[in-house]
Amino acid sequence: MTTYWLAQGVGVIAFLIGITTFINRDERRFKLQLAVYSAVIGLHFFLMGAFPAGMSAELNAIRTVISMKTRRLWVMGVFIVLTLVLGLSRLEHAMELLPIIGTTVSTWALFRCKGLTTRCVMWCSTACWVAHNFWLGSIGGTLIEGSFLVMNGLNIIRFWRMQRRGIDPFKIEKSVQQESPSTR
């Protein structure tokens, strides 16, 4: 098996992992699934020889997990600087700017936004990745990011409509545990 087909296989695995990411209304599950997807697609990009995209995706994975623990500006700044320095240092083609831009924008979204705004900014980031992946010839990457673009777009509309009806689509409902009457 050639490295190319191994890379494409890893991309398809990433596609399978990522396909349901944006339907999660629970912010924690959304971010965890996004992190796993980012780690796998990063491996795919490294195997494809796309260093800036691979580095951006792996930073996405780490950044997404860390953004679950803190939303401090300095942490966000560290990830943006790392993305720019590492990505720009290996830049060989103008199209490789797109994952760097996408990662920078999504970093800002994960640290500074919540709910529907997060998904809207992530949609813009996804548009950058779709164009890059198509240019690179990444089958799995183009399929998954194209799917993200459509699925996240549809969910943005659905969540927006829920908000217009006065429903908070991001409110986590907690089940109330009822104690059964004790028998003596």
Protein backbone atom coordinates (compact mmCIF):
# COMPACT_ATOMS: atom_id res chain seq x y z
CA MET A 1 0.00 0.00 0.00
CA THR A 2 1.43 3.35 -0.96
CA THR A 3 1.64 6.27 1.42
CA TYR A 4 -0.89 8.11 -0.72
CA TRP A 5 -3.59 5.45 -0.26
CA LEU A 6 -2.73 5.06 3.43
CA ALA A 7 -3.18 8.82 3.78
CA GLN A 8 -6.50 8.70 1.92
CA GLY A 9 -7.62 5.80 4.19
CA VAL A 10 -6.82 7.84 7.30
CA GLY A 11 -8.78 10.72 5.74
CA VAL A 12 -11.81 8.46 5.29
CA ILE A 13 -11.53 7.34 8.94
CA ALA A 14 -11.49 11.03 9.94
CA PHE A 15 -14.59 11.50 7.79
CA LEU A 16 -16.38 8.72 9.71
CA ILE A 17 -15.36 10.21 13.06
CA GLY A 18 -16.28 13.76 12.18
CA ILE A 19 -19.57 13.28 10.33
CA THR A 20 -21.76 13.81 13.40
CA THR A 21 -19.68 16.45 15.21
CA PHE A 22 -21.90 19.46 14.58
CA ILE A 23 -25.20 17.84 15.60
CA ASN A 24 -24.06 17.84 19.22
CA ARG A 25 -25.85 20.48 21.25
CA ASP A 26 -23.80 19.61 24.33
CA GLU A 27 -20.75 21.90 24.16
CA ARG A 28 -18.44 19.40 25.90
CA ARG A 29 -19.27 16.48 23.60
CA PHE A 30 -19.07 18.80 20.60
CA LYS A 31 -15.55 19.88 21.53
CA LEU A 32 -14.31 16.37 22.41
CA GLN A 33 -15.52 14.93 19.12
CA LEU A 34 -14.03 17.88 17.25
CA ALA A 35 -10.67 17.24 18.97
CA VAL A 36 -10.61 13.55 18.01
CA TYR A 37 -11.53 14.39 14.43
CA SER A 38 -8.80 17.09 14.28
CA ALA A 39 -6.12 14.68 15.52
CA VAL A 40 -6.98 12.04 12.92
CA ILE A 41 -7.31 14.48 10.01
CA GLY A 42 -3.98 16.04 11.07
CA LEU A 43 -2.31 12.66 10.63
CA HIS A 44 -3.95 12.43 7.20
CA PHE A 45 -2.48 15.79 6.18
CA PHE A 46 1.02 14.88 7.38
CA LEU A 47 0.81 11.67 5.35
CA MET A 48 -0.28 13.75 2.34
CA GLY A 49 2.81 15.97 2.78
CA ALA A 50 0.74 19.03 3.74
CA PHE A 51 2.69 20.24 6.80
CA PRO A 52 0.84 23.55 7.44
CA ALA A 53 -2.55 21.76 7.32
CA GLY A 54 -1.31 18.85 9.47
CA MET A 55 0.18 21.20 12.04
CA SER A 56 -2.97 23.32 12.06
CA ALA A 57 -5.19 20.28 12.57
CA GLU A 58 -3.04 18.88 15.41
CA LEU A 59 -2.99 22.30 17.09
CA ASN A 60 -6.78 22.33 16.64
CA ALA A 61 -7.04 19.06 18.57
CA ILE A 62 -4.91 20.28 21.48
CA ARG A 63 -6.49 23.74 21.48
CA THR A 64 -10.02 22.34 21.48
CA VAL A 65 -9.36 20.21 24.56
CA ILE A 66 -7.64 23.08 26.38
CA SER A 67 -10.51 25.45 25.51
CA MET A 68 -12.76 23.14 27.55
CA LYS A 69 -10.71 23.95 30.65
CA THR A 70 -9.96 27.64 30.19
CA ARG A 71 -11.03 30.59 28.06
CA ARG A 72 -8.16 32.87 29.08
CA LEU A 73 -7.01 35.33 26.46
CA TRP A 74 -3.32 34.55 26.91
CA VAL A 75 -3.94 30.84 26.19
CA MET A 76 -5.86 31.77 23.05
CA GLY A 77 -2.96 34.05 22.09
CA VAL A 78 -0.43 31.25 22.52
CA PHE A 79 -2.38 29.03 20.13
CA ILE A 80 -2.81 31.79 17.56
CA VAL A 81 0.93 32.60 17.67
CA LEU A 82 1.84 28.88 17.41
CA THR A 83 -0.50 28.49 14.44
CA LEU A 84 0.99 31.48 12.65
CA VAL A 85 4.65 30.73 13.41
CA LEU A 86 4.54 27.00 12.69
CA GLY A 87 2.23 27.28 9.69
CA LEU A 88 3.91 30.21 8.00
CA SER A 89 7.39 28.73 8.51
CA ARG A 90 6.60 25.81 6.18
CA LEU A 91 4.36 27.63 3.72
CA GLU A 92 5.03 26.63 0.11
CA HIS A 93 1.86 27.76 -1.67
CA ALA A 94 -0.69 30.54 -1.09
CA MET A 95 -3.49 27.94 -0.72
CA GLU A 96 -1.73 26.68 2.42
CA LEU A 97 -2.73 29.96 4.07
CA LEU A 98 -6.34 28.76 4.21
CA PRO A 99 -5.91 26.17 7.01
CA ILE A 100 -3.82 28.71 8.95
CA ILE A 101 -6.61 31.30 8.61
CA GLY A 102 -9.24 28.67 9.45
CA THR A 103 -7.37 27.56 12.56
CA THR A 104 -6.83 31.13 13.74
CA VAL A 105 -10.52 31.96 13.32
CA SER A 106 -11.72 28.76 15.00
CA THR A 107 -9.27 29.32 17.88
CA TRP A 108 -10.86 32.69 18.50
CA ALA A 109 -14.34 31.11 18.32
CA LEU A 110 -13.59 28.35 20.82
CA PHE A 111 -12.09 30.76 23.36
CA ARG A 112 -14.35 33.78 22.92
CA CYS A 113 -17.74 32.55 21.63
CA LYS A 114 -20.53 30.27 22.77
CA GLY A 115 -23.45 28.45 21.23
CA LEU A 116 -24.69 29.67 17.87
CA THR A 117 -21.91 32.24 17.45
CA THR A 118 -19.29 29.48 17.86
CA ARG A 119 -20.94 27.45 15.12
CA CYS A 120 -21.20 30.47 12.76
CA VAL A 121 -17.52 31.31 13.12
CA MET A 122 -16.61 27.61 12.77
CA TRP A 123 -18.65 27.56 9.53
CA CYS A 124 -16.38 30.30 8.10
CA SER A 125 -13.32 28.35 9.22
CA THR A 126 -14.71 25.25 7.53
CA ALA A 127 -15.06 27.13 4.23
CA CYS A 128 -11.30 27.76 4.34
CA TRP A 129 -10.59 24.08 4.93
CA VAL A 130 -12.94 22.94 2.14
CA ALA A 131 -11.12 25.06 -0.43
CA HIS A 132 -7.71 23.88 0.83
CA ASN A 133 -8.65 20.20 0.91
CA PHE A 134 -10.08 20.31 -2.60
CA TRP A 135 -6.89 21.99 -3.84
CA LEU A 136 -4.74 19.37 -2.04
CA GLY A 137 -6.70 16.47 -3.52
CA SER A 138 -7.69 15.13 -0.10
CA ILE A 139 -10.69 12.88 -0.71
CA GLY A 140 -11.62 12.31 2.95
CA GLY A 141 -10.72 15.87 3.92
CA THR A 142 -12.87 17.39 1.18
CA LEU A 143 -15.77 15.05 1.97
CA ILE A 144 -15.72 15.73 5.69
CA GLU A 145 -15.21 19.48 5.53
CA GLY A 146 -17.84 19.73 2.78
CA SER A 147 -20.17 17.72 5.02
CA PHE A 148 -19.30 19.96 7.97
CA LEU A 149 -20.13 23.00 5.85
CA VAL A 150 -23.56 21.63 4.95
CA MET A 151 -24.40 20.00 8.32
CA ASN A 152 -23.20 22.92 10.41
CA GLY A 153 -25.02 25.35 8.09
CA LEU A 154 -28.27 23.42 8.46
CA ASN A 155 -27.82 23.19 12.24
CA ILE A 156 -27.09 26.93 12.44
CA ILE A 157 -30.43 27.57 10.72
CA ARG A 158 -32.21 25.05 12.97
CA PHE A 159 -30.70 26.46 16.17
CA TRP A 160 -31.41 30.04 15.03
CA ARG A 161 -35.07 29.13 14.42
CA MET A 162 -35.26 27.55 17.87
CA GLN A 163 -33.89 30.74 19.42
CA ARG A 164 -36.46 32.83 17.52
CA ARG A 165 -39.19 30.66 19.10
CA GLY A 166 -37.71 31.34 22.54
CA ILE A 167 -36.05 27.95 22.91
CA ASP A 168 -32.41 27.80 24.01
CA PRO A 169 -30.96 24.96 21.89
CA PHE A 170 -27.80 24.89 23.98
CA LYS A 171 -29.42 24.57 27.39
CA ILE A 172 -28.44 21.28 28.89
CA GLU A 173 -31.38 19.61 30.48
CA LYS A 174 -30.50 17.85 33.68
CA SER A 175 -32.69 15.04 34.82
CA VAL A 176 -34.06 15.43 38.27
CA GLN A 177 -33.46 12.36 40.30
CA GLN A 178 -36.47 11.51 42.35
CA GLU A 179 -36.04 9.57 45.46
CA SER A 180 -38.37 6.67 45.82
CA PRO A 181 -40.32 6.54 49.07
CA SER A 182 -38.51 4.38 51.53
CA THR A 183 -40.31 1.34 52.72
CA ARG A 184 -39.91 0.30 56.28
